[in-house]
PDB file of N, CA and C in Angstrom:
ATOM      1  N   UNK A   1     195.521 258.520 -66.615  1.00  0.00           N
ATOM      2  CA  UNK A   1     195.109 258.220 -65.255  1.00  0.00           C
ATOM      3  C   UNK A   1     195.374 259.417 -64.354  1.00  0.00           C
ATOM      4  N   UNK A   2     196.476 260.085 -64.620  1.00  0.00           N
ATOM      5  CA  UNK A   2     196.805 261.261 -63.816  1.00  0.00           C
ATOM      6  C   UNK A   2     195.721 262.335 -63.962  1.00  0.00           C
ATOM      7  N   UNK A   3     195.178 262.475 -65.169  1.00  0.00           N
ATOM      8  CA  UNK A   3     194.119 263.442 -65.404  1.00  0.00           C
ATOM      9  C   UNK A   3     192.857 263.109 -64.618  1.00  0.00           C
ATOM     10  N   UNK A   4     192.502 261.824 -64.556  1.00  0.00           N
ATOM     11  CA  UNK A   4     191.327 261.422 -63.771  1.00  0.00           C
ATOM     12  C   UNK A   4     191.539 261.710 -62.284  1.00  0.00           C
ATOM     13  N   UNK A   5     192.750 261.455 -61.799  1.00  0.00           N
ATOM     14  CA  UNK A   5     193.052 261.747 -60.389  1.00  0.00           C
ATOM     15  C   UNK A   5     192.943 263.239 -60.117  1.00  0.00           C
ATOM     16  N   UNK A   6     193.554 264.040 -60.969  1.00  0.00           N
ATOM     17  CA  UNK A   6     193.541 265.500 -60.764  1.00  0.00           C
ATOM     18  C   UNK A   6     192.127 266.064 -60.827  1.00  0.00           C
ATOM     19  N   UNK A   7     191.384 265.660 -61.837  1.00  0.00           N
ATOM     20  CA  UNK A   7     190.025 266.174 -62.006  1.00  0.00           C
ATOM     21  C   UNK A   7     189.143 265.813 -60.816  1.00  0.00           C
ATOM     22  N   UNK A   8     189.226 264.568 -60.366  1.00  0.00           N
ATOM     23  CA  UNK A   8     188.403 264.151 -59.233  1.00  0.00           C
ATOM     24  C   UNK A   8     188.890 264.762 -57.928  1.00  0.00           C
ATOM     25  N   UNK A   9     190.196 264.978 -57.787  1.00  0.00           N
ATOM     26  CA  UNK A   9     190.711 265.639 -56.583  1.00  0.00           C
ATOM     27  C   UNK A   9     190.149 267.056 -56.479  1.00  0.00           C
ATOM     28  N   UNK A  10     190.085 267.752 -57.597  1.00  0.00           N
ATOM     29  CA  UNK A  10     189.508 269.102 -57.601  1.00  0.00           C
ATOM     30  C   UNK A  10     188.036 269.036 -57.202  1.00  0.00           C
ATOM     31  N   UNK A  11     187.322 268.056 -57.749  1.00  0.00           N
ATOM     32  CA  UNK A  11     185.895 267.911 -57.411  1.00  0.00           C
ATOM     33  C   UNK A  11     185.720 267.632 -55.922  1.00  0.00           C
ATOM     34  N   UNK A  12     186.553 266.765 -55.360  1.00  0.00           N
ATOM     35  CA  UNK A  12     186.452 266.448 -53.927  1.00  0.00           C
ATOM     36  C   UNK A  12     186.769 267.669 -53.063  1.00  0.00           C
ATOM     37  N   UNK A  13     187.668 268.505 -53.512  1.00  0.00           N
ATOM     38  CA  UNK A  13     187.999 269.716 -52.764  1.00  0.00           C
ATOM     39  C   UNK A  13     186.851 270.723 -52.779  1.00  0.00           C
ATOM     40  N   UNK A  14     186.125 270.786 -53.870  1.00  0.00           N
ATOM     41  CA  UNK A  14     185.107 271.818 -54.050  1.00  0.00           C
ATOM     42  C   UNK A  14     183.710 271.417 -53.587  1.00  0.00           C
ATOM     43  N   UNK A  15     183.426 270.129 -53.570  1.00  0.00           N
ATOM     44  CA  UNK A  15     182.060 269.697 -53.246  1.00  0.00           C
ATOM     45  C   UNK A  15     181.782 269.881 -51.755  1.00  0.00           C
ATOM     46  N   UNK A  16     180.588 270.330 -51.453  1.00  0.00           N
ATOM     47  CA  UNK A  16     180.200 270.545 -50.060  1.00  0.00           C
ATOM     48  C   UNK A  16     179.913 269.209 -49.379  1.00  0.00           C
ATOM     49  N   UNK A  17     180.078 269.126 -48.058  1.00  0.00           N
ATOM     50  CA  UNK A  17     179.731 267.897 -47.334  1.00  0.00           C
ATOM     51  C   UNK A  17     178.273 267.516 -47.597  1.00  0.00           C
ATOM     52  N   UNK A  18     178.060 266.250 -47.850  1.00  0.00           N
ATOM     53  CA  UNK A  18     176.724 265.763 -48.171  1.00  0.00           C
ATOM     54  C   UNK A  18     176.424 265.817 -49.657  1.00  0.00           C
ATOM     55  N   UNK A  19     177.400 266.233 -50.449  1.00  0.00           N
ATOM     56  CA  UNK A  19     177.206 266.339 -51.893  1.00  0.00           C
ATOM     57  C   UNK A  19     177.331 264.994 -52.586  1.00  0.00           C
ATOM     58  N   UNK A  20     176.788 264.949 -53.773  1.00  0.00           N
ATOM     59  CA  UNK A  20     176.861 263.738 -54.590  1.00  0.00           C
ATOM     60  C   UNK A  20     177.661 264.067 -55.838  1.00  0.00           C
ATOM     61  N   UNK A  21     178.670 263.243 -56.095  1.00  0.00           N
ATOM     62  CA  UNK A  21     179.549 263.435 -57.244  1.00  0.00           C
ATOM     63  C   UNK A  21     179.298 262.321 -58.255  1.00  0.00           C
ATOM     64  N   UNK A  22     179.043 262.722 -59.499  1.00  0.00           N
ATOM     65  CA  UNK A  22     178.940 261.787 -60.614  1.00  0.00           C
ATOM     66  C   UNK A  22     180.238 261.903 -61.401  1.00  0.00           C
ATOM     67  N   UNK A  23     180.964 260.818 -61.568  1.00  0.00           N
ATOM     68  CA  UNK A  23     182.209 260.850 -62.309  1.00  0.00           C
ATOM     69  C   UNK A  23     182.235 259.681 -63.289  1.00  0.00           C
ATOM     70  N   UNK A  24     182.711 259.965 -64.514  1.00  0.00           N
ATOM     71  CA  UNK A  24     182.637 258.979 -65.584  1.00  0.00           C
ATOM     72  C   UNK A  24     183.914 258.922 -66.404  1.00  0.00           C
ATOM     73  N   UNK A  25     184.086 257.797 -67.088  1.00  0.00           N
ATOM     74  CA  UNK A  25     185.123 257.630 -68.094  1.00  0.00           C
ATOM     75  C   UNK A  25     184.513 256.884 -69.271  1.00  0.00           C
ATOM     76  N   UNK A  26     184.847 257.332 -70.463  1.00  0.00           N
ATOM     77  CA  UNK A  26     184.406 256.609 -71.654  1.00  0.00           C
ATOM     78  C   UNK A  26     185.618 256.218 -72.494  1.00  0.00           C
ATOM     79  N   UNK A  27     186.751 256.029 -71.841  1.00  0.00           N
ATOM     80  CA  UNK A  27     187.984 255.655 -72.525  1.00  0.00           C
ATOM     81  C   UNK A  27     188.145 254.144 -72.543  1.00  0.00           C
ATOM     82  N   UNK A  28     188.359 253.614 -73.718  1.00  0.00           N
ATOM     83  CA  UNK A  28     188.543 252.175 -73.878  1.00  0.00           C
ATOM     84  C   UNK A  28     189.835 251.697 -73.224  1.00  0.00           C
ATOM     85  N   UNK A  29     190.845 252.543 -73.144  1.00  0.00           N
ATOM     86  CA  UNK A  29     192.135 252.121 -72.601  1.00  0.00           C
ATOM     87  C   UNK A  29     192.190 252.193 -71.074  1.00  0.00           C
ATOM     88  N   UNK A  30     191.140 252.721 -70.455  1.00  0.00           N
ATOM     89  CA  UNK A  30     191.088 252.809 -68.993  1.00  0.00           C
ATOM     90  C   UNK A  30     190.134 251.726 -68.493  1.00  0.00           C
ATOM     91  N   UNK A  31     190.671 250.774 -67.741  1.00  0.00           N
ATOM     92  CA  UNK A  31     189.831 249.701 -67.211  1.00  0.00           C
ATOM     93  C   UNK A  31     188.971 250.222 -66.057  1.00  0.00           C
ATOM     94  N   UNK A  32     187.926 249.477 -65.766  1.00  0.00           N
ATOM     95  CA  UNK A  32     187.046 249.825 -64.649  1.00  0.00           C
ATOM     96  C   UNK A  32     187.852 249.891 -63.350  1.00  0.00           C
ATOM     97  N   UNK A  33     188.770 248.949 -63.175  1.00  0.00           N
ATOM     98  CA  UNK A  33     189.584 248.896 -61.963  1.00  0.00           C
ATOM     99  C   UNK A  33     190.518 250.103 -61.869  1.00  0.00           C
ATOM    100  N   UNK A  34     191.149 250.469 -62.991  1.00  0.00           N
ATOM    101  CA  UNK A  34     192.060 251.620 -62.973  1.00  0.00           C
ATOM    102  C   UNK A  34     191.316 252.931 -62.755  1.00  0.00           C
ATOM    103  N   UNK A  35     190.121 253.041 -63.327  1.00  0.00           N
ATOM    104  CA  UNK A  35     189.317 254.238 -63.110  1.00  0.00           C
ATOM    105  C   UNK A  35     188.958 254.370 -61.632  1.00  0.00           C
ATOM    106  N   UNK A  36     188.485 253.271 -61.039  1.00  0.00           N
ATOM    107  CA  UNK A  36     188.150 253.294 -59.611  1.00  0.00           C
ATOM    108  C   UNK A  36     189.368 253.653 -58.777  1.00  0.00           C
ATOM    109  N   UNK A  37     190.519 253.089 -59.115  1.00  0.00           N
ATOM    110  CA  UNK A  37     191.744 253.386 -58.373  1.00  0.00           C
ATOM    111  C   UNK A  37     192.092 254.868 -58.459  1.00  0.00           C
ATOM    112  N   UNK A  38     191.949 255.464 -59.631  1.00  0.00           N
ATOM    113  CA  UNK A  38     192.236 256.897 -59.791  1.00  0.00           C
ATOM    114  C   UNK A  38     191.288 257.728 -58.929  1.00  0.00           C
ATOM    115  N   UNK A  39     189.999 257.373 -58.931  1.00  0.00           N
ATOM    116  CA  UNK A  39     189.022 258.116 -58.133  1.00  0.00           C
ATOM    117  C   UNK A  39     189.285 257.913 -56.645  1.00  0.00           C
ATOM    118  N   UNK A  40     189.590 256.682 -56.250  1.00  0.00           N
ATOM    119  CA  UNK A  40     189.855 256.404 -54.834  1.00  0.00           C
ATOM    120  C   UNK A  40     191.117 257.106 -54.372  1.00  0.00           C
ATOM    121  N   UNK A  41     192.126 257.193 -55.234  1.00  0.00           N
ATOM    122  CA  UNK A  41     193.354 257.918 -54.889  1.00  0.00           C
ATOM    123  C   UNK A  41     193.056 259.399 -54.683  1.00  0.00           C
ATOM    124  N   UNK A  42     192.205 259.951 -55.534  1.00  0.00           N
ATOM    125  CA  UNK A  42     191.821 261.351 -55.391  1.00  0.00           C
ATOM    126  C   UNK A  42     191.066 261.580 -54.094  1.00  0.00           C
ATOM    127  N   UNK A  43     190.191 260.651 -53.738  1.00  0.00           N
ATOM    128  CA  UNK A  43     189.440 260.773 -52.478  1.00  0.00           C
ATOM    129  C   UNK A  43     190.395 260.736 -51.290  1.00  0.00           C
ATOM    130  N   UNK A  44     191.342 259.809 -51.311  1.00  0.00           N
ATOM    131  CA  UNK A  44     192.312 259.701 -50.215  1.00  0.00           C
ATOM    132  C   UNK A  44     193.160 260.965 -50.135  1.00  0.00           C
ATOM    133  N   UNK A  45     193.577 261.457 -51.283  1.00  0.00           N
ATOM    134  CA  UNK A  45     194.392 262.679 -51.341  1.00  0.00           C
ATOM    135  C   UNK A  45     193.633 263.865 -50.759  1.00  0.00           C
ATOM    136  N   UNK A  46     192.326 263.911 -50.991  1.00  0.00           N
ATOM    137  CA  UNK A  46     191.531 265.040 -50.512  1.00  0.00           C
ATOM    138  C   UNK A  46     191.208 264.941 -49.023  1.00  0.00           C
ATOM    139  N   UNK A  47     191.354 263.739 -48.463  1.00  0.00           N
ATOM    140  CA  UNK A  47     191.041 263.541 -47.053  1.00  0.00           C
ATOM    141  C   UNK A  47     189.551 263.470 -46.767  1.00  0.00           C
ATOM    142  N   UNK A  48     188.731 263.316 -47.795  1.00  0.00           N
ATOM    143  CA  UNK A  48     187.283 263.257 -47.626  1.00  0.00           C
ATOM    144  C   UNK A  48     186.826 261.814 -47.476  1.00  0.00           C
ATOM    145  N   UNK A  49     185.775 261.620 -46.694  1.00  0.00           N
ATOM    146  CA  UNK A  49     185.131 260.317 -46.627  1.00  0.00           C
ATOM    147  C   UNK A  49     184.162 260.221 -47.794  1.00  0.00           C
ATOM    148  N   UNK A  50     184.291 259.157 -48.569  1.00  0.00           N
ATOM    149  CA  UNK A  50     183.501 258.994 -49.791  1.00  0.00           C
ATOM    150  C   UNK A  50     182.905 257.598 -49.802  1.00  0.00           C
ATOM    151  N   UNK A  51     181.634 257.518 -50.173  1.00  0.00           N
ATOM    152  CA  UNK A  51     180.959 256.216 -50.288  1.00  0.00           C
ATOM    153  C   UNK A  51     180.403 256.064 -51.694  1.00  0.00           C
ATOM    154  N   UNK A  52     180.480 254.851 -52.211  1.00  0.00           N
ATOM    155  CA  UNK A  52     179.923 254.551 -53.528  1.00  0.00           C
ATOM    156  C   UNK A  52     178.427 254.296 -53.371  1.00  0.00           C
ATOM    157  N   UNK A  53     177.627 255.081 -54.076  1.00  0.00           N
ATOM    158  CA  UNK A  53     176.185 254.850 -54.086  1.00  0.00           C
ATOM    159  C   UNK A  53     175.796 253.926 -55.235  1.00  0.00           C
ATOM    160  N   UNK A  54     176.414 254.139 -56.394  1.00  0.00           N
ATOM    161  CA  UNK A  54     176.129 253.315 -57.577  1.00  0.00           C
ATOM    162  C   UNK A  54     177.382 253.188 -58.426  1.00  0.00           C
ATOM    163  N   UNK A  55     177.522 252.018 -59.056  1.00  0.00           N
ATOM    164  CA  UNK A  55     178.546 251.816 -60.070  1.00  0.00           C
ATOM    165  C   UNK A  55     177.810 251.628 -61.391  1.00  0.00           C
ATOM    166  N   UNK A  56     178.139 252.455 -62.349  1.00  0.00           N
ATOM    167  CA  UNK A  56     177.408 252.465 -63.606  1.00  0.00           C
ATOM    168  C   UNK A  56     178.256 251.891 -64.740  1.00  0.00           C
ATOM    169  N   UNK A  57     177.579 251.237 -65.661  1.00  0.00           N
ATOM    170  CA  UNK A  57     178.224 250.714 -66.864  1.00  0.00           C
ATOM    171  C   UNK A  57     177.345 251.079 -68.052  1.00  0.00           C
ATOM    172  N   UNK A  58     177.808 250.679 -69.215  1.00  0.00           N
ATOM    173  CA  UNK A  58     177.039 251.013 -70.407  1.00  0.00           C
ATOM    174  C   UNK A  58     175.731 250.221 -70.446  1.00  0.00           C
ATOM    175  N   UNK A  59     174.740 250.772 -71.125  1.00  0.00           N
ATOM    176  CA  UNK A  59     173.432 250.111 -71.188  1.00  0.00           C
ATOM    177  C   UNK A  59     173.448 248.908 -72.122  1.00  0.00           C
ATOM    178  N   UNK A  60     172.355 248.199 -72.138  1.00  0.00           N
ATOM    179  CA  UNK A  60     172.230 246.962 -72.910  1.00  0.00           C
ATOM    180  C   UNK A  60     172.417 247.172 -74.412  1.00  0.00           C
ATOM    181  N   UNK A  61     172.187 248.386 -74.893  1.00  0.00           N
ATOM    182  CA  UNK A  61     172.364 248.610 -76.331  1.00  0.00           C
ATOM    183  C   UNK A  61     173.832 248.811 -76.724  1.00  0.00           C
ATOM    184  N   UNK A  62     174.738 248.671 -75.750  1.00  0.00           N
ATOM    185  CA  UNK A  62     176.186 248.671 -75.989  1.00  0.00           C
ATOM    186  C   UNK A  62     176.776 247.372 -75.418  1.00  0.00           C
ATOM    187  N   UNK A  63     176.401 246.215 -75.954  1.00  0.00           N
ATOM    188  CA  UNK A  63     176.874 244.953 -75.387  1.00  0.00           C
ATOM    189  C   UNK A  63     178.386 244.791 -75.519  1.00  0.00           C
ATOM    190  N   UNK A  64     178.956 244.039 -74.603  1.00  0.00           N
ATOM    191  CA  UNK A  64     180.394 243.801 -74.584  1.00  0.00           C
ATOM    192  C   UNK A  64     180.655 242.407 -75.133  1.00  0.00           C
ATOM    193  N   UNK A  65     181.470 242.336 -76.163  1.00  0.00           N
ATOM    194  CA  UNK A  65     181.865 241.054 -76.731  1.00  0.00           C
ATOM    195  C   UNK A  65     182.853 240.383 -75.792  1.00  0.00           C
ATOM    196  N   UNK A  66     182.615 239.134 -75.479  1.00  0.00           N
ATOM    197  CA  UNK A  66     183.477 238.414 -74.536  1.00  0.00           C
ATOM    198  C   UNK A  66     184.929 238.360 -75.010  1.00  0.00           C
ATOM    199  N   UNK A  67     185.149 238.434 -76.316  1.00  0.00           N
ATOM    200  CA  UNK A  67     186.505 238.387 -76.865  1.00  0.00           C
ATOM    201  C   UNK A  67     187.125 239.775 -77.018  1.00  0.00           C
ATOM    202  N   UNK A  68     186.382 240.790 -76.627  1.00  0.00           N
ATOM    203  CA  UNK A  68     186.872 242.172 -76.713  1.00  0.00           C
ATOM    204  C   UNK A  68     186.465 242.928 -75.438  1.00  0.00           C
ATOM    205  N   UNK A  69     187.106 242.575 -74.297  1.00  0.00           N
ATOM    206  CA  UNK A  69     186.713 243.202 -73.030  1.00  0.00           C
ATOM    207  C   UNK A  69     186.917 244.713 -73.019  1.00  0.00           C
ATOM    208  N   UNK A  70     187.786 245.225 -73.898  1.00  0.00           N
ATOM    209  CA  UNK A  70     187.991 246.668 -73.972  1.00  0.00           C
ATOM    210  C   UNK A  70     186.728 247.389 -74.436  1.00  0.00           C
ATOM    211  N   UNK A  71     185.779 246.623 -74.983  1.00  0.00           N
ATOM    212  CA  UNK A  71     184.516 247.201 -75.402  1.00  0.00           C
ATOM    213  C   UNK A  71     183.670 247.693 -74.241  1.00  0.00           C
ATOM    214  N   UNK A  72     184.061 247.312 -73.035  1.00  0.00           N
ATOM    215  CA  UNK A  72     183.375 247.812 -71.835  1.00  0.00           C
ATOM    216  C   UNK A  72     184.022 249.143 -71.448  1.00  0.00           C
ATOM    217  N   UNK A  73     183.792 250.137 -72.284  1.00  0.00           N
ATOM    218  CA  UNK A  73     184.503 251.410 -72.124  1.00  0.00           C
ATOM    219  C   UNK A  73     183.739 252.438 -71.313  1.00  0.00           C
ATOM    220  N   UNK A  74     182.430 252.309 -71.187  1.00  0.00           N
ATOM    221  CA  UNK A  74     181.656 253.277 -70.413  1.00  0.00           C
ATOM    222  C   UNK A  74     181.599 252.848 -68.962  1.00  0.00           C
ATOM    223  N   UNK A  75     182.017 253.716 -68.086  1.00  0.00           N
ATOM    224  CA  UNK A  75     182.012 253.383 -66.646  1.00  0.00           C
ATOM    225  C   UNK A  75     181.789 254.657 -65.845  1.00  0.00           C
ATOM    226  N   UNK A  76     181.123 254.506 -64.719  1.00  0.00           N
ATOM    227  CA  UNK A  76     180.862 255.672 -63.898  1.00  0.00           C
ATOM    228  C   UNK A  76     180.627 255.312 -62.454  1.00  0.00           C
ATOM    229  N   UNK A  77     180.799 256.298 -61.602  1.00  0.00           N
ATOM    230  CA  UNK A  77     180.563 256.142 -60.169  1.00  0.00           C
ATOM    231  C   UNK A  77     179.692 257.290 -59.685  1.00  0.00           C
ATOM    232  N   UNK A  78     178.745 256.957 -58.843  1.00  0.00           N
ATOM    233  CA  UNK A  78     177.957 257.976 -58.145  1.00  0.00           C
ATOM    234  C   UNK A  78     178.408 257.902 -56.689  1.00  0.00           C
ATOM    235  N   UNK A  79     178.966 258.990 -56.198  1.00  0.00           N
ATOM    236  CA  UNK A  79     179.622 258.995 -54.892  1.00  0.00           C
ATOM    237  C   UNK A  79     178.966 259.986 -53.936  1.00  0.00           C
ATOM    238  N   UNK A  80     178.852 259.581 -52.695  1.00  0.00           N
ATOM    239  CA  UNK A  80     178.399 260.463 -51.618  1.00  0.00           C
ATOM    240  C   UNK A  80     179.641 260.963 -50.908  1.00  0.00           C
ATOM    241  N   UNK A  81     179.791 262.264 -50.823  1.00  0.00           N
ATOM    242  CA  UNK A  81     180.994 262.859 -50.241  1.00  0.00           C
ATOM    243  C   UNK A  81     180.620 263.504 -48.910  1.00  0.00           C
ATOM    244  N   UNK A  82     181.207 262.997 -47.839  1.00  0.00           N
ATOM    245  CA  UNK A  82     180.905 263.533 -46.492  1.00  0.00           C
ATOM    246  C   UNK A  82     181.726 264.776 -46.207  1.00  0.00           C
TER     247      UNK A  82
END
């Protein structure tokens, strides 16, 4: 989680105002909620205003078994950075 925070903090520092950031995780051990929290923490740390344009998940050819929620491992955010 620390790596996701650091990587996204660097991206928030470098992206120009009005830029769009695509950030993803394909780790089974990182939940959608924890990934979002890491990205949101990085945004807060950077002091940038950030809006979610899209929340992405895996496509239909990667179905998630109801008894194996960890199978929902692909997650992404498309962010507008002011």
